[in-house]
Amino acid sequence: MGNARVAILVLAVLAAGRAAVSAQAVPGPGAQRGFSSQVLIAQLSLYLPEEATRAMYRGLGGPNAGGPGGAAGSRAFPQIQFTRDPALFLTKDQIAKLLPILQALRDAPLPTPSRAKQVQAEVDAQLTAGQKAEWAEFQKKMQARIEEFRQRMAASGGGSQGMTGGGADGGPGASAGGRAGGSPGGTLLERRQRQLDAFMQVLRVRLKQ
């Protein structure tokens, strides 16, 4: 199997951008700057074939969000071209160990900073050095696109609103109470739980293959 060239869409970029500036952001390994269950899903998705996660990404972040190979939520925001390396795909042993960690997160998907740091550490303990280096490289590309977007918005007079905390999608800066006013798809808590449910189902299918 050759490397799959994929477009990682605005969803993951914005999620990581909000996490990076959130007051709840916690330091992680390498380039990791913040934590949310959504960003964790984006990270672990890099270690799976595109076809395994394509359908799942349609549901992440609401009905208007894109996914790998789909339509972006903001046409002005550039996509990131990134190569998924089959050599870094999750093994069955890794998946078996990650599922209980994700299930515990699913039961409390809006963790405190200390709990978020613990979850990230538990996940990192299951990943290889190569996988973590891949995520660090991806984050560098995301940050470059975020900065590019901010500069373009500033030049056009649009500012950087929506990149500095939980927006309609309810990033880590959103209220811990879980309701993003007027946002479709239920409360933030419910959306994060659905996202984790969908991703864990992808992992379970992968485990059986």
C-alpha atoms as a PDB file:
ATOM      1  CA  MET A   1       0.000   0.000   0.000  1.00  0.00           C
ATOM      2  CA  GLY A   2       1.413   3.403  -0.984  1.00  0.00           C
ATOM      3  CA  ASN A   3       1.174   6.598   0.997  1.00  0.00           C
ATOM      4  CA  ALA A   4      -2.283   8.170   0.786  1.00  0.00           C
ATOM      5  CA  ARG A   5      -2.193  11.882  -0.070  1.00  0.00           C
ATOM      6  CA  VAL A   6      -5.024  13.521   1.848  1.00  0.00           C
ATOM      7  CA  ALA A   7      -6.374  16.977   2.566  1.00  0.00           C
ATOM      8  CA  ILE A   8      -6.791  17.511   6.316  1.00  0.00           C
ATOM      9  CA  LEU A   9      -9.646  19.964   6.492  1.00  0.00           C
ATOM     10  CA  VAL A  10     -10.519  23.090   8.375  1.00  0.00           C
ATOM     11  CA  LEU A  11     -12.146  21.101  11.174  1.00  0.00           C
ATOM     12  CA  ALA A  12      -8.900  19.748  12.581  1.00  0.00           C
ATOM     13  CA  VAL A  13      -7.069  23.007  11.904  1.00  0.00           C
ATOM     14  CA  LEU A  14      -9.586  25.152  13.726  1.00  0.00           C
ATOM     15  CA  ALA A  15      -9.887  22.673  16.577  1.00  0.00           C
ATOM     16  CA  ALA A  16      -6.145  22.687  17.133  1.00  0.00           C
ATOM     17  CA  GLY A  17      -6.016  26.450  16.741  1.00  0.00           C
ATOM     18  CA  ARG A  18      -8.657  26.978  19.391  1.00  0.00           C
ATOM     19  CA  ALA A  19      -6.939  24.489  21.680  1.00  0.00           C
ATOM     20  CA  ALA A  20      -3.643  26.314  21.295  1.00  0.00           C
ATOM     21  CA  VAL A  21      -5.042  29.591  22.583  1.00  0.00           C
ATOM     22  CA  SER A  22      -7.585  28.235  25.056  1.00  0.00           C
ATOM     23  CA  ALA A  23      -7.265  29.134  28.691  1.00  0.00           C
ATOM     24  CA  GLN A  24      -7.754  25.424  29.363  1.00  0.00           C
ATOM     25  CA  ALA A  25      -4.868  24.400  27.118  1.00  0.00           C
ATOM     26  CA  VAL A  26      -2.358  22.094  28.748  1.00  0.00           C
ATOM     27  CA  PRO A  27       1.173  21.315  27.584  1.00  0.00           C
ATOM     28  CA  GLY A  28       1.776  18.008  25.892  1.00  0.00           C
ATOM     29  CA  PRO A  29       4.750  16.305  24.276  1.00  0.00           C
ATOM     30  CA  GLY A  30       6.603  17.867  21.378  1.00  0.00           C
ATOM     31  CA  ALA A  31       4.528  20.466  19.604  1.00  0.00           C
ATOM     32  CA  GLN A  32       1.337  19.628  21.457  1.00  0.00           C
ATOM     33  CA  ARG A  33      -0.096  22.929  22.707  1.00  0.00           C
ATOM     34  CA  GLY A  34      -3.567  22.103  23.904  1.00  0.00           C
ATOM     35  CA  PHE A  35      -6.082  19.339  24.415  1.00  0.00           C
ATOM     36  CA  SER A  36      -9.614  18.509  23.442  1.00  0.00           C
ATOM     37  CA  SER A  37     -11.158  15.186  22.531  1.00  0.00           C
ATOM     38  CA  GLN A  38     -11.634  16.538  19.013  1.00  0.00           C
ATOM     39  CA  VAL A  39      -7.939  17.334  18.619  1.00  0.00           C
ATOM     40  CA  LEU A  40      -7.045  13.908  20.021  1.00  0.00           C
ATOM     41  CA  ILE A  41      -9.254  12.291  17.378  1.00  0.00           C
ATOM     42  CA  ALA A  42      -7.535  14.376  14.698  1.00  0.00           C
ATOM     43  CA  GLN A  43      -4.162  13.171  15.972  1.00  0.00           C
ATOM     44  CA  LEU A  44      -5.062   9.485  16.076  1.00  0.00           C
ATOM     45  CA  SER A  45      -6.734   9.731  12.666  1.00  0.00           C
ATOM     46  CA  LEU A  46      -3.316  10.375  11.140  1.00  0.00           C
ATOM     47  CA  TYR A  47      -2.435   6.797  12.076  1.00  0.00           C
ATOM     48  CA  LEU A  48      -5.320   5.234  10.173  1.00  0.00           C
ATOM     49  CA  PRO A  49      -6.071   4.832   6.453  1.00  0.00           C
ATOM     50  CA  GLU A  50      -8.068   7.686   4.942  1.00  0.00           C
ATOM     51  CA  GLU A  51     -10.885   5.364   3.938  1.00  0.00           C
ATOM     52  CA  ALA A  52     -11.266   4.242   7.555  1.00  0.00           C
ATOM     53  CA  THR A  53     -12.047   7.750   8.798  1.00  0.00           C
ATOM     54  CA  ARG A  54     -13.671   9.434   5.793  1.00  0.00           C
ATOM     55  CA  ALA A  55     -17.276   8.753   6.779  1.00  0.00           C
ATOM     56  CA  MET A  56     -16.613   9.527  10.436  1.00  0.00           C
ATOM     57  CA  TYR A  57     -15.307  13.018   9.651  1.00  0.00           C
ATOM     58  CA  ARG A  58     -18.592  14.034   8.075  1.00  0.00           C
ATOM     59  CA  GLY A  59     -20.083  14.063  11.576  1.00  0.00           C
ATOM     60  CA  LEU A  60     -17.291  15.822  13.422  1.00  0.00           C
ATOM     61  CA  GLY A  61     -18.156  19.355  14.398  1.00  0.00           C
ATOM     62  CA  GLY A  62     -21.684  19.445  13.019  1.00  0.00           C
ATOM     63  CA  PRO A  63     -23.451  18.990   9.685  1.00  0.00           C
ATOM     64  CA  ASN A  64     -21.524  21.742   7.901  1.00  0.00           C
ATOM     65  CA  ALA A  65     -18.068  20.494   8.791  1.00  0.00           C
ATOM     66  CA  GLY A  66     -15.867  18.839   6.216  1.00  0.00           C
ATOM     67  CA  GLY A  67     -13.551  15.897   6.490  1.00  0.00           C
ATOM     68  CA  PRO A  68     -10.646  14.463   4.567  1.00  0.00           C
ATOM     69  CA  GLY A  69     -11.534  14.812   0.921  1.00  0.00           C
ATOM     70  CA  GLY A  70     -14.753  16.728   1.621  1.00  0.00           C
ATOM     71  CA  ALA A  71     -15.899  20.327   1.527  1.00  0.00           C
ATOM     72  CA  ALA A  72     -14.389  22.739   3.992  1.00  0.00           C
ATOM     73  CA  GLY A  73     -16.502  24.813   6.350  1.00  0.00           C
ATOM     74  CA  SER A  74     -14.637  27.980   5.284  1.00  0.00           C
ATOM     75  CA  ARG A  75     -13.593  28.378   1.657  1.00  0.00           C
ATOM     76  CA  ALA A  76     -11.082  31.045   2.663  1.00  0.00           C
ATOM     77  CA  PHE A  77      -9.199  28.719   4.962  1.00  0.00           C
ATOM     78  CA  PRO A  78      -6.481  26.705   3.182  1.00  0.00           C
ATOM     79  CA  GLN A  79      -6.418  22.956   3.430  1.00  0.00           C
ATOM     80  CA  ILE A  80      -3.323  21.075   4.549  1.00  0.00           C
ATOM     81  CA  GLN A  81      -1.859  18.492   2.237  1.00  0.00           C
ATOM     82  CA  PHE A  82      -0.419  15.754   4.436  1.00  0.00           C
ATOM     83  CA  THR A  83       0.767  12.247   3.756  1.00  0.00           C
ATOM     84  CA  ARG A  84      -0.528   9.389   5.886  1.00  0.00           C
ATOM     85  CA  ASP A  85       2.302   6.913   6.207  1.00  0.00           C
ATOM     86  CA  PRO A  86       1.103   3.280   6.346  1.00  0.00           C
ATOM     87  CA  ALA A  87       4.227   2.417   8.322  1.00  0.00           C
ATOM     88  CA  LEU A  88       2.827   4.556  11.149  1.00  0.00           C
ATOM     89  CA  PHE A  89      -0.676   3.110  11.176  1.00  0.00           C
ATOM     90  CA  LEU A  90      -1.925   1.886  14.548  1.00  0.00           C
ATOM     91  CA  THR A  91      -1.325  -1.773  15.250  1.00  0.00           C
ATOM     92  CA  LYS A  92      -4.037  -3.987  16.689  1.00  0.00           C
ATOM     93  CA  ASP A  93      -2.178  -4.037  19.988  1.00  0.00           C
ATOM     94  CA  GLN A  94      -2.141  -0.227  20.092  1.00  0.00           C
ATOM     95  CA  ILE A  95      -5.835  -0.039  19.244  1.00  0.00           C
ATOM     96  CA  ALA A  96      -6.702  -2.532  21.983  1.00  0.00           C
ATOM     97  CA  LYS A  97      -4.854  -0.371  24.513  1.00  0.00           C
ATOM     98  CA  LEU A  98      -6.244   2.928  23.241  1.00  0.00           C
ATOM     99  CA  LEU A  99      -9.906   1.917  23.315  1.00  0.00           C
ATOM    100  CA  PRO A 100     -10.228   1.840  27.146  1.00  0.00           C
ATOM    101  CA  ILE A 101      -8.515   5.237  27.350  1.00  0.00           C
ATOM    102  CA  LEU A 102     -10.935   6.699  24.815  1.00  0.00           C
ATOM    103  CA  GLN A 103     -13.917   5.067  26.539  1.00  0.00           C
ATOM    104  CA  ALA A 104     -12.954   6.721  29.823  1.00  0.00           C
ATOM    105  CA  LEU A 105     -12.639  10.035  27.989  1.00  0.00           C
ATOM    106  CA  ARG A 106     -16.002   9.452  26.344  1.00  0.00           C
ATOM    107  CA  ASP A 107     -17.581   9.157  29.807  1.00  0.00           C
ATOM    108  CA  ALA A 108     -16.137  12.589  30.700  1.00  0.00           C
ATOM    109  CA  PRO A 109     -15.218  14.284  27.385  1.00  0.00           C
ATOM    110  CA  LEU A 110     -14.696  17.762  28.875  1.00  0.00           C
ATOM    111  CA  PRO A 111     -11.803  17.023  31.235  1.00  0.00           C
ATOM    112  CA  THR A 112     -10.142  19.406  33.636  1.00  0.00           C
ATOM    113  CA  PRO A 113      -6.618  20.532  32.634  1.00  0.00           C
ATOM    114  CA  SER A 114      -5.016  17.991  34.979  1.00  0.00           C
ATOM    115  CA  ARG A 115      -7.194  15.152  33.673  1.00  0.00           C
ATOM    116  CA  ALA A 116      -6.548  16.251  30.062  1.00  0.00           C
ATOM    117  CA  LYS A 117      -2.823  16.099  30.696  1.00  0.00           C
ATOM    118  CA  GLN A 118      -3.229  12.596  32.122  1.00  0.00           C
ATOM    119  CA  VAL A 119      -5.270  11.398  29.131  1.00  0.00           C
ATOM    120  CA  GLN A 120      -2.716  12.765  26.681  1.00  0.00           C
ATOM    121  CA  ALA A 121       0.075  11.061  28.626  1.00  0.00           C
ATOM    122  CA  GLU A 122      -1.811   7.752  28.558  1.00  0.00           C
ATOM    123  CA  VAL A 123      -2.283   8.037  24.805  1.00  0.00           C
ATOM    124  CA  ASP A 124       1.330   9.056  24.211  1.00  0.00           C
ATOM    125  CA  ALA A 125       2.509   6.012  26.164  1.00  0.00           C
ATOM    126  CA  GLN A 126       0.909   3.805  23.491  1.00  0.00           C
ATOM    127  CA  LEU A 127       2.428   5.641  20.510  1.00  0.00           C
ATOM    128  CA  THR A 128       5.817   5.132  18.926  1.00  0.00           C
ATOM    129  CA  ALA A 129       8.409   7.872  18.595  1.00  0.00           C
ATOM    130  CA  GLY A 130       7.700   7.970  14.860  1.00  0.00           C
ATOM    131  CA  GLN A 131       3.971   8.484  15.385  1.00  0.00           C
ATOM    132  CA  LYS A 132       4.551  11.318  17.843  1.00  0.00           C
ATOM    133  CA  ALA A 133       7.024  12.945  15.452  1.00  0.00           C
ATOM    134  CA  GLU A 134       4.388  12.720  12.701  1.00  0.00           C
ATOM    135  CA  TRP A 135       1.880  14.584  14.876  1.00  0.00           C
ATOM    136  CA  ALA A 136       4.446  17.239  15.740  1.00  0.00           C
ATOM    137  CA  GLU A 137       5.114  17.791  12.030  1.00  0.00           C
ATOM    138  CA  PHE A 138       1.388  17.995  11.312  1.00  0.00           C
ATOM    139  CA  GLN A 139       0.940  20.584  14.056  1.00  0.00           C
ATOM    140  CA  LYS A 140       3.686  22.728  12.554  1.00  0.00           C
ATOM    141  CA  LYS A 141       1.797  22.752   9.263  1.00  0.00           C
ATOM    142  CA  MET A 142      -1.460  23.538  11.021  1.00  0.00           C
ATOM    143  CA  GLN A 143       0.081  26.435  12.900  1.00  0.00           C
ATOM    144  CA  ALA A 144       1.517  27.831   9.674  1.00  0.00           C
ATOM    145  CA  ARG A 145      -1.943  27.697   8.048  1.00  0.00           C
ATOM    146  CA  ILE A 146      -3.551  29.291  11.092  1.00  0.00           C
ATOM    147  CA  GLU A 147      -1.058  32.142  10.997  1.00  0.00           C
ATOM    148  CA  GLU A 148      -1.563  32.531   7.263  1.00  0.00           C
ATOM    149  CA  PHE A 149      -5.313  32.705   7.779  1.00  0.00           C
ATOM    150  CA  ARG A 150      -4.981  35.308  10.544  1.00  0.00           C
ATOM    151  CA  GLN A 151      -2.764  37.475   8.366  1.00  0.00           C
ATOM    152  CA  ARG A 152      -5.192  37.267   5.467  1.00  0.00           C
ATOM    153  CA  MET A 153      -8.126  38.126   7.716  1.00  0.00           C
ATOM    154  CA  ALA A 154      -6.251  41.052   9.245  1.00  0.00           C
ATOM    155  CA  ALA A 155      -5.306  42.352   5.794  1.00  0.00           C
ATOM    156  CA  SER A 156      -8.930  42.157   4.665  1.00  0.00           C
ATOM    157  CA  GLY A 157     -10.201  43.806   7.855  1.00  0.00           C
ATOM    158  CA  GLY A 158     -11.891  40.634   9.066  1.00  0.00           C
ATOM    159  CA  GLY A 159      -9.758  40.235  12.186  1.00  0.00           C
ATOM    160  CA  SER A 160      -9.200  36.800  13.714  1.00  0.00           C
ATOM    161  CA  GLN A 161     -12.577  36.277  15.358  1.00  0.00           C
ATOM    162  CA  GLY A 162     -13.360  32.592  15.769  1.00  0.00           C
ATOM    163  CA  MET A 163      -9.731  31.638  16.270  1.00  0.00           C
ATOM    164  CA  THR A 164      -9.432  32.668  19.879  1.00  0.00           C
ATOM    165  CA  GLY A 165     -11.639  30.267  21.789  1.00  0.00           C
ATOM    166  CA  GLY A 166     -14.715  28.101  21.575  1.00  0.00           C
ATOM    167  CA  GLY A 167     -16.901  29.216  18.711  1.00  0.00           C
ATOM    168  CA  ALA A 168     -20.034  27.693  17.289  1.00  0.00           C
ATOM    169  CA  ASP A 169     -18.397  24.318  17.377  1.00  0.00           C
ATOM    170  CA  GLY A 170     -17.485  24.749  21.024  1.00  0.00           C
ATOM    171  CA  GLY A 171     -13.720  24.391  21.239  1.00  0.00           C
ATOM    172  CA  PRO A 172     -11.880  23.952  24.523  1.00  0.00           C
ATOM    173  CA  GLY A 173     -12.516  27.597  25.351  1.00  0.00           C
ATOM    174  CA  ALA A 174     -16.267  27.064  25.449  1.00  0.00           C
ATOM    175  CA  SER A 175     -18.263  26.888  28.631  1.00  0.00           C
ATOM    176  CA  ALA A 176     -17.746  23.698  30.608  1.00  0.00           C
ATOM    177  CA  GLY A 177     -21.500  23.652  31.012  1.00  0.00           C
ATOM    178  CA  GLY A 178     -21.547  22.248  27.540  1.00  0.00           C
ATOM    179  CA  ARG A 179     -24.090  24.307  25.610  1.00  0.00           C
ATOM    180  CA  ALA A 180     -22.876  26.451  22.748  1.00  0.00           C
ATOM    181  CA  GLY A 181     -25.787  28.793  22.212  1.00  0.00           C
ATOM    182  CA  GLY A 182     -27.738  28.006  19.074  1.00  0.00           C
ATOM    183  CA  SER A 183     -25.222  25.444  17.835  1.00  0.00           C
ATOM    184  CA  PRO A 184     -26.789  22.443  16.070  1.00  0.00           C
ATOM    185  CA  GLY A 185     -26.190  18.904  17.210  1.00  0.00           C
ATOM    186  CA  GLY A 186     -26.922  19.228  20.925  1.00  0.00           C
ATOM    187  CA  THR A 187     -24.671  20.339  23.738  1.00  0.00           C
ATOM    188  CA  LEU A 188     -20.894  20.406  23.521  1.00  0.00           C
ATOM    189  CA  LEU A 189     -20.822  17.397  25.858  1.00  0.00           C
ATOM    190  CA  GLU A 190     -23.166  15.437  23.589  1.00  0.00           C
ATOM    191  CA  ARG A 191     -21.249  16.328  20.437  1.00  0.00           C
ATOM    192  CA  ARG A 192     -17.931  15.268  21.932  1.00  0.00           C
ATOM    193  CA  GLN A 193     -19.470  11.985  23.071  1.00  0.00           C
ATOM    194  CA  ARG A 194     -20.844  11.305  19.576  1.00  0.00           C
ATOM    195  CA  GLN A 195     -17.475  12.106  18.029  1.00  0.00           C
ATOM    196  CA  LEU A 196     -15.705   9.711  20.384  1.00  0.00           C
ATOM    197  CA  ASP A 197     -18.354   7.033  19.798  1.00  0.00           C
ATOM    198  CA  ALA A 198     -17.833   7.336  16.033  1.00  0.00           C
ATOM    199  CA  PHE A 199     -14.061   7.187  16.311  1.00  0.00           C
ATOM    200  CA  MET A 200     -14.086   4.233  18.679  1.00  0.00           C
ATOM    201  CA  GLN A 201     -16.327   2.396  16.228  1.00  0.00           C
ATOM    202  CA  VAL A 202     -13.747   3.034  13.505  1.00  0.00           C
ATOM    203  CA  LEU A 203     -11.071   1.555  15.776  1.00  0.00           C
ATOM    204  CA  ARG A 204     -13.199  -1.485  16.620  1.00  0.00           C
ATOM    205  CA  VAL A 205     -13.739  -2.201  12.928  1.00  0.00           C
ATOM    206  CA  ARG A 206     -10.023  -1.789  12.308  1.00  0.00           C
ATOM    207  CA  LEU A 207      -9.277  -4.176  15.167  1.00  0.00           C
ATOM    208  CA  LYS A 208     -11.357  -6.907  13.535  1.00  0.00           C
ATOM    209  CA  GLN A 209      -9.705  -6.577  10.134  1.00  0.00           C
END
